[in-house]
Amino acid sequence: MSFDVFLTEDARLVILKALAQESNNTLNESILTKVLETFGHTRSREWVRTQLLKLQELGAVRTVEAGTVVIASLTQAGLDHVERRSIIAGIARPSIGA
């Protein structure tokens, strides 16, 4: 696995974990961009949007547009991945107990 793929899969996991921490399992792309920066992933909103669309394709999130902003909501499959009940290829595996 290339380092770029490693970083991308880790960023996707960070996104899912951030969504799982919210009471409604939902955040917008702008907030997710800031969350990713906190964890060392400094990327553009367009890159974050691309990752949200990939996560939707993988079944981990649902997205809707509100004006010019994309809003992501965690699906049951995404939560199952975060809680290690199942694994979704293309997303880093969560650490045990994390």
N, C-alpha and C. Protein backbone atom coordinates (compact mmCIF):
# COMPACT_ATOMS: atom_id res chain seq x y z
N MET A 1 0.85 -1.18 0.00
CA MET A 1 0.00 0.00 0.00
C MET A 1 0.90 1.24 0.00
N SER A 2 0.58 2.19 -0.87
CA SER A 2 1.36 3.43 -0.91
C SER A 2 1.01 4.30 0.29
N PHE A 3 1.90 5.22 0.60
CA PHE A 3 1.67 6.11 1.73
C PHE A 3 0.45 7.00 1.49
N ASP A 4 0.24 7.41 0.23
CA ASP A 4 -0.92 8.24 -0.11
C ASP A 4 -2.23 7.48 0.15
N VAL A 5 -2.26 6.21 -0.21
CA VAL A 5 -3.45 5.38 0.05
C VAL A 5 -3.65 5.24 1.56
N PHE A 6 -2.56 5.02 2.30
CA PHE A 6 -2.63 4.92 3.76
C PHE A 6 -3.25 6.18 4.36
N LEU A 7 -2.77 7.35 3.91
CA LEU A 7 -3.30 8.62 4.43
C LEU A 7 -4.77 8.80 4.09
N THR A 8 -5.15 8.45 2.88
CA THR A 8 -6.54 8.59 2.45
C THR A 8 -7.45 7.69 3.27
N GLU A 9 -7.06 6.43 3.46
CA GLU A 9 -7.88 5.51 4.25
C GLU A 9 -7.98 5.95 5.70
N ASP A 10 -6.89 6.50 6.25
CA ASP A 10 -6.92 7.01 7.62
C ASP A 10 -7.85 8.21 7.72
N ALA A 11 -7.80 9.11 6.75
CA ALA A 11 -8.69 10.27 6.75
C ALA A 11 -10.15 9.84 6.71
N ARG A 12 -10.45 8.82 5.93
CA ARG A 12 -11.83 8.32 5.87
C ARG A 12 -12.28 7.80 7.23
N LEU A 13 -11.38 7.12 7.94
CA LEU A 13 -11.72 6.64 9.28
C LEU A 13 -11.95 7.82 10.23
N VAL A 14 -11.12 8.84 10.14
CA VAL A 14 -11.30 10.04 10.98
C VAL A 14 -12.68 10.64 10.73
N ILE A 15 -13.09 10.70 9.48
CA ILE A 15 -14.42 11.23 9.14
C ILE A 15 -15.51 10.39 9.80
N LEU A 16 -15.42 9.07 9.67
CA LEU A 16 -16.45 8.20 10.25
C LEU A 16 -16.49 8.34 11.77
N LYS A 17 -15.33 8.40 12.41
CA LYS A 17 -15.29 8.54 13.87
C LYS A 17 -15.90 9.87 14.31
N ALA A 18 -15.63 10.94 13.56
CA ALA A 18 -16.20 12.25 13.89
C ALA A 18 -17.72 12.21 13.79
N LEU A 19 -18.22 11.58 12.74
CA LEU A 19 -19.67 11.46 12.59
C LEU A 19 -20.28 10.63 13.72
N ALA A 20 -19.60 9.56 14.11
CA ALA A 20 -20.10 8.67 15.17
C ALA A 20 -20.17 9.38 16.52
N GLN A 21 -19.37 10.41 16.72
CA GLN A 21 -19.36 11.12 18.00
C GLN A 21 -20.50 12.14 18.13
N GLU A 22 -21.14 12.45 17.02
CA GLU A 22 -22.23 13.42 17.04
C GLU A 22 -23.54 12.75 17.43
N SER A 23 -24.38 13.44 18.19
CA SER A 23 -25.64 12.84 18.63
C SER A 23 -26.55 12.49 17.46
N ASN A 24 -26.45 13.23 16.36
CA ASN A 24 -27.27 12.91 15.19
C ASN A 24 -26.46 12.29 14.05
N ASN A 25 -25.20 11.94 14.34
CA ASN A 25 -24.30 11.28 13.37
C ASN A 25 -24.14 12.07 12.09
N THR A 26 -24.18 13.39 12.17
CA THR A 26 -24.17 14.24 10.99
C THR A 26 -23.24 15.44 11.18
N LEU A 27 -22.46 15.76 10.13
CA LEU A 27 -21.62 16.96 10.10
C LEU A 27 -21.53 17.45 8.66
N ASN A 28 -21.21 18.73 8.49
CA ASN A 28 -21.03 19.22 7.13
C ASN A 28 -19.55 19.18 6.74
N GLU A 29 -19.29 19.32 5.45
CA GLU A 29 -17.93 19.19 4.92
C GLU A 29 -16.98 20.23 5.49
N SER A 30 -17.47 21.40 5.81
CA SER A 30 -16.62 22.44 6.37
C SER A 30 -16.10 22.05 7.75
N ILE A 31 -16.99 21.54 8.58
CA ILE A 31 -16.58 21.09 9.92
C ILE A 31 -15.66 19.88 9.80
N LEU A 32 -15.97 18.96 8.90
CA LEU A 32 -15.13 17.78 8.72
C LEU A 32 -13.73 18.17 8.25
N THR A 33 -13.62 19.22 7.44
CA THR A 33 -12.31 19.70 7.01
C THR A 33 -11.49 20.13 8.22
N LYS A 34 -12.11 20.83 9.17
CA LYS A 34 -11.42 21.26 10.39
C LYS A 34 -11.05 20.06 11.27
N VAL A 35 -11.94 19.08 11.37
CA VAL A 35 -11.65 17.88 12.15
C VAL A 35 -10.43 17.18 11.56
N LEU A 36 -10.39 17.03 10.25
CA LEU A 36 -9.25 16.38 9.60
C LEU A 36 -7.96 17.14 9.86
N GLU A 37 -8.00 18.46 9.84
CA GLU A 37 -6.81 19.26 10.13
C GLU A 37 -6.30 18.98 11.54
N THR A 38 -7.21 18.81 12.49
CA THR A 38 -6.84 18.50 13.86
C THR A 38 -6.03 17.21 13.94
N PHE A 39 -6.32 16.27 13.05
CA PHE A 39 -5.63 14.98 13.04
C PHE A 39 -4.52 14.92 11.98
N GLY A 40 -4.08 16.08 11.51
CA GLY A 40 -2.93 16.12 10.62
C GLY A 40 -3.20 15.94 9.15
N HIS A 41 -4.46 15.94 8.76
CA HIS A 41 -4.84 15.80 7.35
C HIS A 41 -5.28 17.17 6.83
N THR A 42 -4.34 17.94 6.33
CA THR A 42 -4.65 19.27 5.81
C THR A 42 -4.99 19.14 4.34
N ARG A 43 -6.27 19.17 4.04
CA ARG A 43 -6.77 18.98 2.67
C ARG A 43 -7.83 20.02 2.36
N SER A 44 -8.10 20.20 1.07
CA SER A 44 -9.11 21.16 0.63
C SER A 44 -10.52 20.63 0.88
N ARG A 45 -11.49 21.54 0.88
CA ARG A 45 -12.89 21.10 1.00
C ARG A 45 -13.28 20.23 -0.17
N GLU A 46 -12.74 20.51 -1.35
CA GLU A 46 -13.04 19.68 -2.53
C GLU A 46 -12.54 18.25 -2.32
N TRP A 47 -11.36 18.09 -1.72
CA TRP A 47 -10.83 16.75 -1.43
C TRP A 47 -11.74 16.05 -0.42
N VAL A 48 -12.17 16.79 0.60
CA VAL A 48 -13.07 16.21 1.61
C VAL A 48 -14.38 15.79 0.95
N ARG A 49 -14.90 16.62 0.07
CA ARG A 49 -16.13 16.29 -0.65
C ARG A 49 -15.95 15.00 -1.46
N THR A 50 -14.82 14.87 -2.12
CA THR A 50 -14.52 13.65 -2.89
C THR A 50 -14.51 12.43 -1.98
N GLN A 51 -13.93 12.57 -0.80
CA GLN A 51 -13.89 11.44 0.14
C GLN A 51 -15.30 11.10 0.65
N LEU A 52 -16.12 12.12 0.87
CA LEU A 52 -17.50 11.86 1.30
C LEU A 52 -18.27 11.10 0.23
N LEU A 53 -18.05 11.46 -1.02
CA LEU A 53 -18.72 10.74 -2.11
C LEU A 53 -18.22 9.30 -2.19
N LYS A 54 -16.93 9.08 -1.95
CA LYS A 54 -16.39 7.72 -1.94
C LYS A 54 -16.97 6.94 -0.76
N LEU A 55 -17.05 7.56 0.40
CA LEU A 55 -17.65 6.90 1.56
C LEU A 55 -19.11 6.56 1.31
N GLN A 56 -19.81 7.42 0.59
CA GLN A 56 -21.20 7.12 0.22
C GLN A 56 -21.23 5.92 -0.72
N GLU A 57 -20.33 5.89 -1.69
CA GLU A 57 -20.24 4.76 -2.62
C GLU A 57 -19.96 3.46 -1.87
N LEU A 58 -19.17 3.53 -0.80
CA LEU A 58 -18.85 2.35 0.01
C LEU A 58 -19.98 1.99 0.98
N GLY A 59 -20.99 2.86 1.09
CA GLY A 59 -22.13 2.59 1.96
C GLY A 59 -21.94 3.04 3.40
N ALA A 60 -20.87 3.80 3.67
CA ALA A 60 -20.57 4.20 5.04
C ALA A 60 -21.28 5.49 5.46
N VAL A 61 -21.62 6.34 4.50
CA VAL A 61 -22.33 7.58 4.79
C VAL A 61 -23.40 7.84 3.73
N ARG A 62 -24.31 8.73 4.06
CA ARG A 62 -25.25 9.31 3.10
C ARG A 62 -24.91 10.78 3.02
N THR A 63 -25.02 11.36 1.83
CA THR A 63 -24.76 12.79 1.70
C THR A 63 -25.96 13.49 1.09
N VAL A 64 -26.13 14.74 1.49
CA VAL A 64 -27.12 15.63 0.88
C VAL A 64 -26.45 16.99 0.72
N GLU A 65 -26.93 17.75 -0.24
CA GLU A 65 -26.41 19.10 -0.43
C GLU A 65 -27.40 20.10 0.15
N ALA A 66 -26.85 21.07 0.87
CA ALA A 66 -27.63 22.18 1.40
C ALA A 66 -27.00 23.44 0.83
N GLY A 67 -27.55 23.91 -0.26
CA GLY A 67 -26.92 25.03 -0.96
C GLY A 67 -25.61 24.55 -1.57
N THR A 68 -24.51 25.16 -1.15
CA THR A 68 -23.20 24.78 -1.69
C THR A 68 -22.42 23.86 -0.76
N VAL A 69 -23.05 23.41 0.31
CA VAL A 69 -22.36 22.59 1.31
C VAL A 69 -22.89 21.16 1.28
N VAL A 70 -21.97 20.19 1.40
CA VAL A 70 -22.36 18.79 1.49
C VAL A 70 -22.44 18.41 2.96
N ILE A 71 -23.52 17.74 3.32
CA ILE A 71 -23.74 17.26 4.69
C ILE A 71 -23.69 15.74 4.65
N ALA A 72 -22.91 15.16 5.56
CA ALA A 72 -22.75 13.71 5.62
C ALA A 72 -23.39 13.16 6.88
N SER A 73 -24.06 12.02 6.74
CA SER A 73 -24.64 11.30 7.87
C SER A 73 -24.13 9.88 7.86
N LEU A 74 -23.77 9.39 9.01
CA LEU A 74 -23.25 8.04 9.16
C LEU A 74 -24.36 7.01 8.94
N THR A 75 -24.08 5.96 8.20
CA THR A 75 -25.03 4.86 8.03
C THR A 75 -24.73 3.78 9.07
N GLN A 76 -25.61 2.80 9.15
CA GLN A 76 -25.36 1.68 10.06
C GLN A 76 -24.07 0.95 9.67
N ALA A 77 -23.83 0.80 8.37
CA ALA A 77 -22.60 0.14 7.92
C ALA A 77 -21.37 0.93 8.37
N GLY A 78 -21.44 2.26 8.30
CA GLY A 78 -20.32 3.09 8.75
C GLY A 78 -20.09 2.95 10.24
N LEU A 79 -21.17 2.94 11.01
CA LEU A 79 -21.07 2.76 12.46
C LEU A 79 -20.51 1.38 12.79
N ASP A 80 -20.96 0.37 12.08
CA ASP A 80 -20.44 -0.99 12.29
C ASP A 80 -18.94 -1.04 12.05
N HIS A 81 -18.45 -0.29 11.06
CA HIS A 81 -17.01 -0.25 10.79
C HIS A 81 -16.28 0.42 11.97
N VAL A 82 -16.78 1.57 12.41
CA VAL A 82 -16.14 2.29 13.52
C VAL A 82 -16.11 1.42 14.77
N GLU A 83 -17.17 0.66 15.00
CA GLU A 83 -17.26 -0.17 16.20
C GLU A 83 -16.71 -1.58 16.00
N ARG A 84 -16.04 -1.80 14.87
CA ARG A 84 -15.33 -3.05 14.55
C ARG A 84 -16.26 -4.27 14.45
N ARG A 85 -17.52 -4.06 14.12
CA ARG A 85 -18.43 -5.19 13.90
C ARG A 85 -18.31 -5.72 12.48
N SER A 86 -17.84 -4.86 11.57
CA SER A 86 -17.58 -5.27 10.19
C SER A 86 -16.50 -4.35 9.65
N ILE A 87 -15.92 -4.75 8.54
CA ILE A 87 -14.84 -3.97 7.94
C ILE A 87 -15.25 -3.56 6.52
N ILE A 88 -15.03 -2.30 6.19
CA ILE A 88 -15.30 -1.80 4.85
C ILE A 88 -13.95 -1.56 4.17
N ALA A 89 -13.71 -2.25 3.07
CA ALA A 89 -12.47 -2.06 2.32
C ALA A 89 -12.38 -0.61 1.85
N GLY A 90 -11.18 -0.04 1.92
CA GLY A 90 -10.97 1.34 1.50
C GLY A 90 -11.00 2.33 2.64
N ILE A 91 -11.25 1.82 3.86
CA ILE A 91 -11.25 2.65 5.07
C ILE A 91 -10.34 1.97 6.08
N ALA A 92 -9.45 2.74 6.71
CA ALA A 92 -8.55 2.16 7.71
C ALA A 92 -9.36 1.46 8.79
N ARG A 93 -8.79 0.39 9.31
CA ARG A 93 -9.44 -0.32 10.42
C ARG A 93 -9.22 0.44 11.72
N PRO A 94 -10.26 0.56 12.52
CA PRO A 94 -10.08 1.24 13.81
C PRO A 94 -9.22 0.39 14.75
N SER A 95 -8.48 1.06 15.60
CA SER A 95 -7.69 0.36 16.60
C SER A 95 -8.62 -0.24 17.65
N ILE A 96 -8.19 -1.32 18.24
CA ILE A 96 -8.97 -1.94 19.31
C ILE A 96 -9.01 -0.98 20.49
N GLY A 97 -10.20 -0.74 20.99
CA GLY A 97 -10.38 0.14 22.13
C GLY A 97 -10.31 1.62 21.82
N ALA A 98 -10.21 1.95 20.52
CA ALA A 98 -10.11 3.38 20.17
C ALA A 98 -11.46 3.93 19.76
